[in-house]
Amino acid sequence: MKKLFIILILTAFSSAYAGGHITKKQKVETIQCLGHYSATAVLPADTIEVKDMEMALASVKVIRSFLQKEQVSDDEMNKGMNEHVDKVYGKPFDKGMNDKCNKFIYKLIPGSKEEIEKLSRTIYGG
């Protein structure tokens, strides 16, 4: 009976872990990147390359879908995203933050780099 209980506990733990649930820290950083990409997507066209804008729009879509699968509410996503957008609104494109978010998101979300690149090519016919 004790072995059965231990097996059930380990199975439940490994199933939850295998499901890819993110940590609180990962969720916060993911939402911050969502805010970065959202702010990037609305920069004036003459201040950013079209490909960066396309990638930002595609990243927003992929990240939102991922967070929804992780059962993060739209309210929580929007609140965190808006807080970041408010900090950077009106500032120029932040390539350093963009590179940091790209690296983080591509590592966190399996297949995201390919999905974002594919989706970005459909936005403005890129």
Protein backbone atom coordinates (compact mmCIF):
# COMPACT_ATOMS: atom_id res chain seq x y z
CA MET A 1 0.00 0.00 0.00
CA LYS A 2 2.82 2.41 0.86
CA LYS A 3 4.54 1.66 -2.48
CA LEU A 4 1.29 2.28 -4.34
CA PHE A 5 0.88 5.65 -2.60
CA ILE A 6 4.45 6.66 -3.46
CA ILE A 7 3.97 5.59 -7.08
CA LEU A 8 0.76 7.62 -7.33
CA ILE A 9 2.46 10.70 -5.86
CA LEU A 10 5.45 10.38 -8.20
CA THR A 11 3.17 9.85 -11.18
CA ALA A 12 1.11 12.92 -10.34
CA PHE A 13 4.25 15.01 -9.82
CA SER A 14 5.93 13.84 -13.02
CA SER A 15 2.73 14.36 -15.02
CA ALA A 16 2.43 17.92 -13.78
CA TYR A 17 6.10 18.57 -14.49
CA ALA A 18 5.94 16.94 -17.92
CA GLY A 19 2.99 19.16 -18.75
CA GLY A 20 5.45 22.03 -19.02
CA HIS A 21 3.90 24.27 -16.42
CA ILE A 22 5.90 27.41 -16.00
CA THR A 23 7.19 28.88 -12.77
CA LYS A 24 6.00 32.19 -11.40
CA LYS A 25 9.31 33.78 -12.43
CA GLN A 26 8.94 32.46 -15.99
CA LYS A 27 5.36 33.75 -16.13
CA VAL A 28 6.44 37.23 -15.02
CA GLU A 29 9.26 37.33 -17.57
CA THR A 30 7.01 35.98 -20.32
CA ILE A 31 4.41 38.68 -19.64
CA GLN A 32 7.15 41.31 -19.61
CA CYS A 33 8.28 40.11 -23.04
CA LEU A 34 4.66 40.19 -24.16
CA GLY A 35 4.64 43.87 -23.15
CA HIS A 36 7.91 44.51 -24.95
CA TYR A 37 6.66 42.94 -28.17
CA SER A 38 3.32 44.75 -27.88
CA ALA A 39 5.08 48.10 -27.48
CA THR A 40 7.41 47.28 -30.38
CA ALA A 41 4.49 46.45 -32.65
CA VAL A 42 3.06 49.98 -32.32
CA LEU A 43 6.24 51.97 -32.82
CA PRO A 44 6.08 54.54 -35.61
CA ALA A 45 6.93 52.85 -38.91
CA ASP A 46 9.83 55.20 -39.61
CA THR A 47 11.58 54.18 -36.35
CA ILE A 48 11.67 50.41 -36.81
CA GLU A 49 12.33 47.90 -39.56
CA VAL A 50 9.24 46.17 -40.90
CA LYS A 51 10.69 42.74 -40.13
CA ASP A 52 11.09 43.68 -36.45
CA MET A 53 7.50 44.88 -36.34
CA GLU A 54 6.29 41.67 -38.02
CA MET A 55 8.27 39.54 -35.58
CA ALA A 56 6.84 41.50 -32.64
CA LEU A 57 3.25 41.01 -33.83
CA ALA A 58 3.84 37.29 -34.40
CA SER A 59 5.52 36.97 -30.98
CA VAL A 60 2.50 38.54 -29.27
CA LYS A 61 0.21 35.96 -30.86
CA VAL A 62 2.43 33.00 -29.98
CA ILE A 63 3.04 34.16 -26.40
CA ARG A 64 -0.65 34.84 -25.74
CA SER A 65 -1.53 31.37 -27.00
CA PHE A 66 1.17 29.82 -24.81
CA LEU A 67 0.07 31.70 -21.70
CA GLN A 68 -3.55 30.73 -22.29
CA LYS A 69 -2.49 27.08 -22.44
CA GLU A 70 -0.67 27.69 -19.15
CA GLN A 71 -4.01 28.93 -17.78
CA VAL A 72 -2.91 32.52 -17.31
CA SER A 73 -5.99 34.73 -17.46
CA ASP A 74 -6.37 37.47 -20.05
CA ASP A 75 -6.72 39.97 -17.20
CA GLU A 76 -3.36 38.95 -15.73
CA MET A 77 -1.69 39.03 -19.15
CA ASN A 78 -3.17 42.43 -20.02
CA LYS A 79 -2.31 43.97 -16.66
CA GLY A 80 1.33 42.89 -16.80
CA MET A 81 1.65 43.71 -20.48
CA ASN A 82 0.17 47.21 -20.01
CA GLU A 83 2.50 47.93 -17.09
CA HIS A 84 5.50 47.22 -19.32
CA VAL A 85 4.04 49.08 -22.30
CA ASP A 86 3.47 52.14 -20.08
CA LYS A 87 7.16 52.11 -19.09
CA VAL A 88 8.48 51.98 -22.64
CA TYR A 89 5.78 53.75 -24.68
CA GLY A 90 7.27 56.51 -26.81
CA LYS A 91 10.82 55.22 -26.43
CA PRO A 92 12.83 53.91 -29.37
CA PHE A 93 13.11 50.24 -30.30
CA ASP A 94 15.09 48.40 -27.61
CA LYS A 95 17.21 45.90 -29.50
CA GLY A 96 18.85 44.64 -26.29
CA MET A 97 15.49 43.83 -24.70
CA ASN A 98 14.32 42.33 -27.98
CA ASP A 99 17.32 40.00 -28.13
CA LYS A 100 16.84 39.04 -24.47
CA CYS A 101 13.14 38.26 -25.00
CA ASN A 102 13.83 36.32 -28.20
CA LYS A 103 16.37 34.13 -26.42
CA PHE A 104 14.08 33.58 -23.42
CA ILE A 105 10.90 32.87 -25.43
CA TYR A 106 12.62 30.57 -27.93
CA LYS A 107 14.00 28.52 -25.02
CA LEU A 108 10.76 28.51 -23.01
CA ILE A 109 8.24 27.71 -25.75
CA PRO A 110 9.16 24.68 -27.85
CA GLY A 111 9.01 25.42 -31.58
CA SER A 112 8.29 29.10 -30.99
CA LYS A 113 11.14 30.42 -33.12
CA GLU A 114 9.92 28.59 -36.19
CA GLU A 115 6.27 29.41 -35.47
CA ILE A 116 7.02 33.11 -34.97
CA GLU A 117 9.14 33.31 -38.12
CA LYS A 118 6.47 31.51 -40.18
CA LEU A 119 3.66 33.69 -38.82
CA SER A 120 5.66 36.90 -39.26
CA ARG A 121 5.99 36.26 -43.01
CA THR A 122 2.20 36.32 -43.36
CA ILE A 123 1.61 39.69 -41.70
CA TYR A 124 2.70 42.22 -44.32
CA GLY A 125 3.50 39.71 -47.02
CA GLY A 126 7.11 39.55 -45.78
